[in-house]
Amino acid sequence: MREAKLKVFRGTKDGGEFKEYKVPVEDGMVVLDAIHYIQREVDPDLAVRWNCKAAKCGSCSAEVNGKPSLMCKTRMEHFAEGEEIVVQPIQTFPLVKDLVTDVQWNYEVNKTIPAFTPADDADWTFYQEDIDRVQEFRKCIECFLCQDVCHVLRDHNRKDAFYGPRFLVRTASLEMHPLDTEDRIEFLKKTEGLGFCNITKCCTEVCPEEIHITDNAIIPLKERVVSEFYDPVVALFRAIFGDKKKKKAKV
């Protein structure tokens, strides 16, 4: 049985350091198994958040060798023998202890997104292709890896002005629903801060559910905002009729 060398961050918001551990590696092990071994055999006070160990709860988010990852989905066999494995908490949100961060901000901004609003006389019969379009977005497990890798949130700490890719995905799931009637275009521009995203696609690269965040959610939303605020025909309509905007059909 080979051994793996892990360097795991230990500490709180007041400071900390990486501590080195040696973990025996068995077939089929994932990084979360290694962390559990450390808890069980070496440091029982190592703090880590996890739940399902099936890559569906999104709880065990961390950075493994610098990449935002789910520890339960990162297999030990993918690391070369003797390769050092560095495990640290995601960096975008405040540290609680060791590998656990405070992601409460995400749930607070989520509450402000205008809810799904069907018409009172909505016909709940619609085409399968309409549902297929938004079904992808509903695969999100809220691991917040996309939030962690987003440079607007991580490098510039613009939580005051930008909701991040996870909540642009949620907004897209509402905006593109065939029965939704709510107008979120101004909300996207002025509150969610859609304009801060410069389409780097880093969020798509780390999504464990392989949601096409940029291509299927963010870019279509940007197109809607551009059409609403910068299309000369719409601008003329607004100049003539003031703030009374004609509700656009969902396309």
C-alpha atoms as a PDB file:
ATOM      1  CA  MET A   1       0.000   0.000   0.000  1.00  0.00           C
ATOM      2  CA  ARG A   2       1.450   3.341  -1.048  1.00  0.00           C
ATOM      3  CA  GLU A   3       1.368   6.478   1.049  1.00  0.00           C
ATOM      4  CA  ALA A   4       0.269   9.918  -0.041  1.00  0.00           C
ATOM      5  CA  LYS A   5       1.580  13.146   1.411  1.00  0.00           C
ATOM      6  CA  LEU A   6      -1.116  15.712   2.136  1.00  0.00           C
ATOM      7  CA  LYS A   7      -0.600  19.292   3.227  1.00  0.00           C
ATOM      8  CA  VAL A   8      -3.851  20.452   4.824  1.00  0.00           C
ATOM      9  CA  PHE A   9      -4.604  23.960   5.997  1.00  0.00           C
ATOM     10  CA  ARG A  10      -5.258  24.201   9.729  1.00  0.00           C
ATOM     11  CA  GLY A  11      -6.432  27.419  11.275  1.00  0.00           C
ATOM     12  CA  THR A  12      -9.143  30.045  11.694  1.00  0.00           C
ATOM     13  CA  LYS A  13      -9.810  33.564  10.431  1.00  0.00           C
ATOM     14  CA  ASP A  14      -7.128  34.759  12.839  1.00  0.00           C
ATOM     15  CA  GLY A  15      -4.416  32.763  11.099  1.00  0.00           C
ATOM     16  CA  GLY A  16      -3.125  29.282  10.440  1.00  0.00           C
ATOM     17  CA  GLU A  17      -0.659  27.122   8.563  1.00  0.00           C
ATOM     18  CA  PHE A  18      -0.394  24.001   6.463  1.00  0.00           C
ATOM     19  CA  LYS A  19       0.216  20.774   8.326  1.00  0.00           C
ATOM     20  CA  GLU A  20       1.688  17.721   6.670  1.00  0.00           C
ATOM     21  CA  TYR A  21       0.137  14.256   6.942  1.00  0.00           C
ATOM     22  CA  LYS A  22       0.941  10.846   5.497  1.00  0.00           C
ATOM     23  CA  VAL A  23      -2.092   8.818   4.476  1.00  0.00           C
ATOM     24  CA  PRO A  24      -2.191   5.185   3.259  1.00  0.00           C
ATOM     25  CA  VAL A  25      -3.897   5.016  -0.115  1.00  0.00           C
ATOM     26  CA  GLU A  26      -6.299   2.229  -1.017  1.00  0.00           C
ATOM     27  CA  ASP A  27      -7.965   1.551  -4.361  1.00  0.00           C
ATOM     28  CA  GLY A  28     -10.908   3.830  -5.016  1.00  0.00           C
ATOM     29  CA  MET A  29      -9.992   6.447  -2.433  1.00  0.00           C
ATOM     30  CA  VAL A  30     -10.900  10.098  -2.932  1.00  0.00           C
ATOM     31  CA  VAL A  31      -9.424  13.134  -1.208  1.00  0.00           C
ATOM     32  CA  LEU A  32     -12.348  13.215   1.228  1.00  0.00           C
ATOM     33  CA  ASP A  33     -11.431   9.679   2.326  1.00  0.00           C
ATOM     34  CA  ALA A  34      -7.916  10.906   3.071  1.00  0.00           C
ATOM     35  CA  ILE A  35      -9.300  13.788   5.120  1.00  0.00           C
ATOM     36  CA  HIS A  36     -11.499  11.333   7.041  1.00  0.00           C
ATOM     37  CA  TYR A  37      -8.448   9.153   7.719  1.00  0.00           C
ATOM     38  CA  ILE A  38      -6.669  12.163   9.213  1.00  0.00           C
ATOM     39  CA  GLN A  39      -9.708  12.906  11.385  1.00  0.00           C
ATOM     40  CA  ARG A  40      -9.987   9.308  12.516  1.00  0.00           C
ATOM     41  CA  GLU A  41      -6.346   8.442  13.078  1.00  0.00           C
ATOM     42  CA  VAL A  42      -4.408  11.658  13.638  1.00  0.00           C
ATOM     43  CA  ASP A  43      -6.292  14.918  14.252  1.00  0.00           C
ATOM     44  CA  PRO A  44      -9.925  14.409  15.275  1.00  0.00           C
ATOM     45  CA  ASP A  45     -10.414  18.176  15.527  1.00  0.00           C
ATOM     46  CA  LEU A  46      -9.793  18.750  11.793  1.00  0.00           C
ATOM     47  CA  ALA A  47     -12.893  20.618  10.595  1.00  0.00           C
ATOM     48  CA  VAL A  48     -14.430  19.713   7.241  1.00  0.00           C
ATOM     49  CA  ARG A  49     -17.936  20.060   5.825  1.00  0.00           C
ATOM     50  CA  TRP A  50     -19.407  17.073   3.976  1.00  0.00           C
ATOM     51  CA  ASN A  51     -22.634  15.133   3.682  1.00  0.00           C
ATOM     52  CA  CYS A  52     -23.379  12.695   0.859  1.00  0.00           C
ATOM     53  CA  LYS A  53     -19.935  11.710  -0.474  1.00  0.00           C
ATOM     54  CA  ALA A  54     -21.669  11.268  -3.832  1.00  0.00           C
ATOM     55  CA  ALA A  55     -20.946  14.645  -5.439  1.00  0.00           C
ATOM     56  CA  LYS A  56     -24.568  15.732  -5.080  1.00  0.00           C
ATOM     57  CA  CYS A  57     -24.755  17.785  -1.881  1.00  0.00           C
ATOM     58  CA  GLY A  58     -22.002  20.263  -2.768  1.00  0.00           C
ATOM     59  CA  SER A  59     -20.766  20.399   0.827  1.00  0.00           C
ATOM     60  CA  CYS A  60     -17.137  19.267   0.523  1.00  0.00           C
ATOM     61  CA  SER A  61     -15.879  22.112  -1.638  1.00  0.00           C
ATOM     62  CA  ALA A  62     -12.194  22.882  -1.241  1.00  0.00           C
ATOM     63  CA  GLU A  63      -9.142  23.767  -3.288  1.00  0.00           C
ATOM     64  CA  VAL A  64      -6.976  20.765  -4.130  1.00  0.00           C
ATOM     65  CA  ASN A  65      -3.576  21.724  -5.536  1.00  0.00           C
ATOM     66  CA  GLY A  66      -5.022  25.147  -6.242  1.00  0.00           C
ATOM     67  CA  LYS A  67      -8.108  23.985  -8.169  1.00  0.00           C
ATOM     68  CA  PRO A  68     -11.604  24.468  -6.721  1.00  0.00           C
ATOM     69  CA  SER A  69     -12.920  20.901  -6.441  1.00  0.00           C
ATOM     70  CA  LEU A  70     -15.270  18.602  -4.625  1.00  0.00           C
ATOM     71  CA  MET A  71     -13.096  16.451  -2.382  1.00  0.00           C
ATOM     72  CA  CYS A  72     -15.453  13.503  -2.788  1.00  0.00           C
ATOM     73  CA  LYS A  73     -15.026  13.635  -6.563  1.00  0.00           C
ATOM     74  CA  THR A  74     -11.241  14.067  -6.633  1.00  0.00           C
ATOM     75  CA  ARG A  75      -9.698  10.617  -6.841  1.00  0.00           C
ATOM     76  CA  MET A  76      -6.365   9.915  -5.149  1.00  0.00           C
ATOM     77  CA  GLU A  77      -5.266   7.780  -8.102  1.00  0.00           C
ATOM     78  CA  HIS A  78      -5.127  10.910 -10.271  1.00  0.00           C
ATOM     79  CA  PHE A  79      -2.070  12.114  -8.342  1.00  0.00           C
ATOM     80  CA  ALA A  80       1.334  10.696  -9.188  1.00  0.00           C
ATOM     81  CA  GLU A  81       3.123   8.635  -6.564  1.00  0.00           C
ATOM     82  CA  GLY A  82       5.062  10.997  -4.334  1.00  0.00           C
ATOM     83  CA  GLU A  83       3.154  14.050  -5.568  1.00  0.00           C
ATOM     84  CA  GLU A  84       2.260  16.456  -2.791  1.00  0.00           C
ATOM     85  CA  ILE A  85      -1.484  17.069  -2.401  1.00  0.00           C
ATOM     86  CA  VAL A  86      -2.337  20.485  -0.972  1.00  0.00           C
ATOM     87  CA  VAL A  87      -5.842  20.867   0.450  1.00  0.00           C
ATOM     88  CA  GLN A  88      -7.132  24.263   1.552  1.00  0.00           C
ATOM     89  CA  PRO A  89     -10.521  25.964   1.973  1.00  0.00           C
ATOM     90  CA  ILE A  90     -12.132  27.889  -0.873  1.00  0.00           C
ATOM     91  CA  GLN A  91     -10.784  31.421  -0.793  1.00  0.00           C
ATOM     92  CA  THR A  92     -13.726  33.636  -1.757  1.00  0.00           C
ATOM     93  CA  PHE A  93     -15.627  33.329   1.524  1.00  0.00           C
ATOM     94  CA  PRO A  94     -14.638  33.963   5.166  1.00  0.00           C
ATOM     95  CA  LEU A  95     -12.858  31.118   6.919  1.00  0.00           C
ATOM     96  CA  VAL A  96     -14.527  29.485   9.902  1.00  0.00           C
ATOM     97  CA  LYS A  97     -12.010  26.733  10.723  1.00  0.00           C
ATOM     98  CA  ASP A  98      -9.635  24.548   8.733  1.00  0.00           C
ATOM     99  CA  LEU A  99     -11.522  23.558   5.559  1.00  0.00           C
ATOM    100  CA  VAL A 100     -14.865  25.113   6.523  1.00  0.00           C
ATOM    101  CA  THR A 101     -15.912  28.518   5.199  1.00  0.00           C
ATOM    102  CA  ASP A 102     -18.925  30.740   5.841  1.00  0.00           C
ATOM    103  CA  VAL A 103     -21.028  30.809   2.652  1.00  0.00           C
ATOM    104  CA  GLN A 104     -24.048  32.512   4.224  1.00  0.00           C
ATOM    105  CA  TRP A 105     -23.735  35.472   1.823  1.00  0.00           C
ATOM    106  CA  ASN A 106     -24.848  33.233  -1.035  1.00  0.00           C
ATOM    107  CA  TYR A 107     -28.133  32.395   0.647  1.00  0.00           C
ATOM    108  CA  GLU A 108     -28.806  36.023   1.510  1.00  0.00           C
ATOM    109  CA  VAL A 109     -28.462  37.302  -2.064  1.00  0.00           C
ATOM    110  CA  ASN A 110     -30.490  34.350  -3.324  1.00  0.00           C
ATOM    111  CA  LYS A 111     -33.500  35.656  -1.383  1.00  0.00           C
ATOM    112  CA  THR A 112     -33.508  38.904  -3.370  1.00  0.00           C
ATOM    113  CA  ILE A 113     -33.937  37.321  -6.823  1.00  0.00           C
ATOM    114  CA  PRO A 114     -37.530  37.885  -8.053  1.00  0.00           C
ATOM    115  CA  ALA A 115     -39.369  34.586  -7.807  1.00  0.00           C
ATOM    116  CA  PHE A 116     -40.934  32.515 -10.562  1.00  0.00           C
ATOM    117  CA  THR A 117     -44.147  34.298 -11.559  1.00  0.00           C
ATOM    118  CA  PRO A 118     -46.569  32.559 -13.935  1.00  0.00           C
ATOM    119  CA  ALA A 119     -49.596  34.324 -15.348  1.00  0.00           C
ATOM    120  CA  ASP A 120     -52.872  33.808 -13.485  1.00  0.00           C
ATOM    121  CA  ASP A 121     -54.355  32.116 -16.522  1.00  0.00           C
ATOM    122  CA  ALA A 122     -51.186  30.262 -17.534  1.00  0.00           C
ATOM    123  CA  ASP A 123     -51.585  27.194 -19.711  1.00  0.00           C
ATOM    124  CA  TRP A 124     -49.324  24.649 -18.029  1.00  0.00           C
ATOM    125  CA  THR A 125     -48.885  22.716 -21.248  1.00  0.00           C
ATOM    126  CA  PHE A 126     -45.618  23.509 -23.011  1.00  0.00           C
ATOM    127  CA  TYR A 127     -43.056  21.967 -25.321  1.00  0.00           C
ATOM    128  CA  GLN A 128     -40.400  19.605 -23.994  1.00  0.00           C
ATOM    129  CA  GLU A 129     -37.703  21.684 -25.720  1.00  0.00           C
ATOM    130  CA  ASP A 130     -38.700  24.653 -23.568  1.00  0.00           C
ATOM    131  CA  ILE A 131     -38.131  22.647 -20.406  1.00  0.00           C
ATOM    132  CA  ASP A 132     -34.906  21.110 -21.715  1.00  0.00           C
ATOM    133  CA  ARG A 133     -33.527  24.620 -22.036  1.00  0.00           C
ATOM    134  CA  VAL A 134     -33.819  25.365 -18.313  1.00  0.00           C
ATOM    135  CA  GLN A 135     -33.418  21.839 -16.946  1.00  0.00           C
ATOM    136  CA  GLU A 136     -29.626  22.080 -17.188  1.00  0.00           C
ATOM    137  CA  PHE A 137     -29.564  25.008 -14.764  1.00  0.00           C
ATOM    138  CA  ARG A 138     -31.490  23.055 -12.157  1.00  0.00           C
ATOM    139  CA  LYS A 139     -28.670  20.530 -11.846  1.00  0.00           C
ATOM    140  CA  CYS A 140     -26.756  23.037  -9.708  1.00  0.00           C
ATOM    141  CA  ILE A 141     -25.808  21.538  -6.317  1.00  0.00           C
ATOM    142  CA  GLU A 142     -24.681  24.872  -4.848  1.00  0.00           C
ATOM    143  CA  CYS A 143     -21.129  23.783  -4.162  1.00  0.00           C
ATOM    144  CA  PHE A 144     -20.143  27.416  -4.878  1.00  0.00           C
ATOM    145  CA  LEU A 145     -16.991  26.389  -6.729  1.00  0.00           C
ATOM    146  CA  CYS A 146     -18.006  28.744  -9.528  1.00  0.00           C
ATOM    147  CA  GLN A 147     -18.299  31.524  -6.961  1.00  0.00           C
ATOM    148  CA  ASP A 148     -14.848  30.664  -5.624  1.00  0.00           C
ATOM    149  CA  VAL A 149     -13.123  30.813  -9.000  1.00  0.00           C
ATOM    150  CA  CYS A 150     -14.928  33.988 -10.141  1.00  0.00           C
ATOM    151  CA  HIS A 151     -12.318  36.757 -10.213  1.00  0.00           C
ATOM    152  CA  VAL A 152     -14.929  39.472  -9.556  1.00  0.00           C
ATOM    153  CA  LEU A 153     -15.778  37.901  -6.201  1.00  0.00           C
ATOM    154  CA  ARG A 154     -12.422  36.377  -5.358  1.00  0.00           C
ATOM    155  CA  ASP A 155      -9.846  38.931  -6.506  1.00  0.00           C
ATOM    156  CA  HIS A 156     -11.915  42.108  -6.294  1.00  0.00           C
ATOM    157  CA  ASN A 157     -14.337  41.149  -3.490  1.00  0.00           C
ATOM    158  CA  ARG A 158     -17.267  42.839  -5.260  1.00  0.00           C
ATOM    159  CA  LYS A 159     -19.956  41.072  -3.285  1.00  0.00           C
ATOM    160  CA  ASP A 160     -21.498  44.498  -2.921  1.00  0.00           C
ATOM    161  CA  ALA A 161     -22.189  44.709  -6.659  1.00  0.00           C
ATOM    162  CA  PHE A 162     -22.052  41.216  -8.211  1.00  0.00           C
ATOM    163  CA  TYR A 163     -24.012  38.062  -7.369  1.00  0.00           C
ATOM    164  CA  GLY A 164     -21.675  35.666  -9.147  1.00  0.00           C
ATOM    165  CA  PRO A 165     -22.209  32.853 -11.678  1.00  0.00           C
ATOM    166  CA  ARG A 166     -24.279  30.590  -9.444  1.00  0.00           C
ATOM    167  CA  PHE A 167     -27.038  33.187  -9.158  1.00  0.00           C
ATOM    168  CA  LEU A 168     -26.863  34.224 -12.774  1.00  0.00           C
ATOM    169  CA  VAL A 169     -27.615  30.560 -13.470  1.00  0.00           C
ATOM    170  CA  ARG A 170     -30.584  30.668 -11.115  1.00  0.00           C
ATOM    171  CA  THR A 171     -31.864  33.853 -12.713  1.00  0.00           C
ATOM    172  CA  ALA A 172     -31.486  32.276 -16.160  1.00  0.00           C
ATOM    173  CA  SER A 173     -33.554  29.285 -15.017  1.00  0.00           C
ATOM    174  CA  LEU A 174     -36.363  31.700 -14.177  1.00  0.00           C
ATOM    175  CA  GLU A 175     -35.988  34.135 -17.080  1.00  0.00           C
ATOM    176  CA  MET A 176     -35.978  31.364 -19.683  1.00  0.00           C
ATOM    177  CA  HIS A 177     -38.872  29.396 -18.249  1.00  0.00           C
ATOM    178  CA  PRO A 178     -41.682  29.395 -20.826  1.00  0.00           C
ATOM    179  CA  LEU A 179     -44.354  30.304 -18.261  1.00  0.00           C
ATOM    180  CA  ASP A 180     -42.517  32.997 -16.308  1.00  0.00           C
ATOM    181  CA  THR A 181     -43.796  36.570 -16.701  1.00  0.00           C
ATOM    182  CA  GLU A 182     -41.499  38.470 -14.312  1.00  0.00           C
ATOM    183  CA  ASP A 183     -39.171  41.076 -15.831  1.00  0.00           C
ATOM    184  CA  ARG A 184     -35.704  40.770 -14.250  1.00  0.00           C
ATOM    185  CA  ILE A 185     -33.699  42.626 -16.908  1.00  0.00           C
ATOM    186  CA  GLU A 186     -33.184  45.805 -14.902  1.00  0.00           C
ATOM    187  CA  PHE A 187     -32.490  43.711 -11.804  1.00  0.00           C
ATOM    188  CA  LEU A 188     -29.793  41.815 -13.717  1.00  0.00           C
ATOM    189  CA  LYS A 189     -28.088  45.008 -14.791  1.00  0.00           C
ATOM    190  CA  LYS A 190     -28.357  47.158 -11.674  1.00  0.00           C
ATOM    191  CA  THR A 191     -28.505  44.693  -8.783  1.00  0.00           C
ATOM    192  CA  GLU A 192     -26.971  41.390  -9.871  1.00  0.00           C
ATOM    193  CA  GLY A 193     -24.162  43.221 -11.670  1.00  0.00           C
ATOM    194  CA  LEU A 194     -24.244  41.153 -14.855  1.00  0.00           C
ATOM    195  CA  GLY A 195     -21.929  43.634 -16.575  1.00  0.00           C
ATOM    196  CA  PHE A 196     -19.045  42.726 -14.253  1.00  0.00           C
ATOM    197  CA  CYS A 197     -18.736  39.285 -15.878  1.00  0.00           C
ATOM    198  CA  ASN A 198     -16.228  39.367 -18.741  1.00  0.00           C
ATOM    199  CA  ILE A 199     -16.844  35.819 -20.019  1.00  0.00           C
ATOM    200  CA  THR A 200     -13.654  34.066 -18.891  1.00  0.00           C
ATOM    201  CA  LYS A 201     -15.520  30.722 -18.605  1.00  0.00           C
ATOM    202  CA  CYS A 202     -13.555  29.775 -15.500  1.00  0.00           C
ATOM    203  CA  CYS A 203     -16.842  29.070 -13.717  1.00  0.00           C
ATOM    204  CA  THR A 204     -17.837  26.557 -16.392  1.00  0.00           C
ATOM    205  CA  GLU A 205     -14.480  24.794 -16.104  1.00  0.00           C
ATOM    206  CA  VAL A 206     -14.897  23.968 -12.401  1.00  0.00           C
ATOM    207  CA  CYS A 207     -18.605  23.055 -12.378  1.00  0.00           C
ATOM    208  CA  PRO A 208     -18.915  19.418 -11.176  1.00  0.00           C
ATOM    209  CA  GLU A 209     -22.334  19.131 -12.881  1.00  0.00           C
ATOM    210  CA  GLU A 210     -20.850  20.326 -16.192  1.00  0.00           C
ATOM    211  CA  ILE A 211     -23.403  23.116 -16.539  1.00  0.00           C
ATOM    212  CA  HIS A 212     -22.514  25.394 -19.453  1.00  0.00           C
ATOM    213  CA  ILE A 213     -22.724  28.436 -17.213  1.00  0.00           C
ATOM    214  CA  THR A 214     -21.219  30.955 -19.605  1.00  0.00           C
ATOM    215  CA  ASP A 215     -22.605  29.842 -22.953  1.00  0.00           C
ATOM    216  CA  ASN A 216     -26.114  28.817 -21.914  1.00  0.00           C
ATOM    217  CA  ALA A 217     -26.863  31.170 -19.012  1.00  0.00           C
ATOM    218  CA  ILE A 218     -24.658  34.263 -18.813  1.00  0.00           C
ATOM    219  CA  ILE A 219     -24.323  35.122 -22.506  1.00  0.00           C
ATOM    220  CA  PRO A 220     -28.086  34.833 -23.221  1.00  0.00           C
ATOM    221  CA  LEU A 221     -28.764  37.045 -20.201  1.00  0.00           C
ATOM    222  CA  LYS A 222     -26.236  39.594 -21.456  1.00  0.00           C
ATOM    223  CA  GLU A 223     -27.967  39.592 -24.842  1.00  0.00           C
ATOM    224  CA  ARG A 224     -31.287  40.370 -23.175  1.00  0.00           C
ATOM    225  CA  VAL A 225     -29.803  43.234 -21.173  1.00  0.00           C
ATOM    226  CA  VAL A 226     -28.119  44.693 -24.263  1.00  0.00           C
ATOM    227  CA  SER A 227     -31.362  44.457 -26.232  1.00  0.00           C
ATOM    228  CA  GLU A 228     -33.305  46.185 -23.459  1.00  0.00           C
ATOM    229  CA  PHE A 229     -30.904  49.001 -22.605  1.00  0.00           C
ATOM    230  CA  TYR A 230     -28.867  49.600 -25.751  1.00  0.00           C
ATOM    231  CA  ASP A 231     -31.081  48.673 -28.697  1.00  0.00           C
ATOM    232  CA  PRO A 232     -31.975  51.971 -30.466  1.00  0.00           C
ATOM    233  CA  VAL A 233     -35.524  50.804 -31.239  1.00  0.00           C
ATOM    234  CA  VAL A 234     -36.162  49.989 -27.580  1.00  0.00           C
ATOM    235  CA  ALA A 235     -34.581  53.315 -26.581  1.00  0.00           C
ATOM    236  CA  LEU A 236     -36.948  55.145 -28.954  1.00  0.00           C
ATOM    237  CA  PHE A 237     -39.928  53.236 -27.528  1.00  0.00           C
ATOM    238  CA  ARG A 238     -38.878  54.237 -24.021  1.00  0.00           C
ATOM    239  CA  ALA A 239     -38.411  57.866 -25.067  1.00  0.00           C
ATOM    240  CA  ILE A 240     -41.949  57.956 -26.456  1.00  0.00           C
ATOM    241  CA  PHE A 241     -43.759  55.984 -23.777  1.00  0.00           C
ATOM    242  CA  GLY A 242     -41.599  56.728 -20.751  1.00  0.00           C
ATOM    243  CA  ASP A 243     -41.129  54.068 -18.094  1.00  0.00           C
ATOM    244  CA  LYS A 244     -44.042  51.940 -19.288  1.00  0.00           C
ATOM    245  CA  LYS A 245     -42.182  49.090 -20.888  1.00  0.00           C
ATOM    246  CA  LYS A 246     -43.925  46.574 -23.053  1.00  0.00           C
ATOM    247  CA  LYS A 247     -43.375  43.099 -21.665  1.00  0.00           C
ATOM    248  CA  LYS A 248     -41.291  41.101 -24.101  1.00  0.00           C
ATOM    249  CA  ALA A 249     -42.206  37.558 -24.934  1.00  0.00           C
ATOM    250  CA  LYS A 250     -39.728  34.987 -23.674  1.00  0.00           C
ATOM    251  CA  VAL A 251     -37.642  33.626 -26.557  1.00  0.00           C
END
